[in-house]
Amino acid sequence: MVETLELASPVPAYQEPEVVTTDTLEAQDLLSRIATADPLNADWERMRSNLSGFLMRDWEFESDNTVRQLLELRNFVNTQFLNRGRADVVISVADASQPIDIPTDLVMGTQGFDSWAGRAPRHLKDTKFKDGTSANIPSIKAIKHYASRTTPMPPIKEMDMFIQPDGQIFFSSTNDGEHRLASAILRGDPNIKTYSIRVRHLNHDVLNNLTRR
């Protein structure tokens, strides 16, 4: 008897996602969802705001432990392995001088971090200072340094927008700006800017097991 082997289905060829600019109706619909999304970290933000009234305004002079403990209380999702295949659509700015505002409340993760307190102390961040010098310093110190600045955070090159089956959306950085994101969260910036959003639909609700903080 000869056994017939079934050939595996061919792997579909990779296709680049559709790119839409912010001035299109499809992009406007997605951007409207961002603006009206349910908050995810309102309780944590109230705690941060209350605490900052007791601490120095310059986070750079606060102890590493104080800042680390505060940031570790904020919800964090390891998005490194979430749906890293092809994005459904990419929203790109129509005008580079007008980046997209992303509410920091909806930013739930970033690649390479263990929490919003950054990487383990052994991983150093090359950081530039106001006097033009630079040095490799621990992640938490870089976050404190950027948070102490009074200038707007530079835009993130690209961010992921995840859409759960229940309709909730949240964001993560890809390979750029993780320390800027953590610093914006620490100092209470309402938004972080980006030039591009990769929209990805999830097949399960990631945030269900998190405490809304």
Foldseek 3Di string as FASTA:
>chain_A
DDDDDDDDDDDDDDDAAAEDECVDPVNVVVLVCQVPFDFQAVVLLVVLVVVCVVPPLQLLPDDLVVLLVSQQPTAADACQPFPPGHFNYKYFYPDPVDFRWGFLRQAHYEPQAPTLQGHPQVQWDWDADPVGDTDTGGLNSLLSRLLRDPDAQDAWAEKEWEAEPVGHIGIYHYPTDSSVSSSCVNSPPRTHGYRMYRYHYGDHDPCPPPDRD
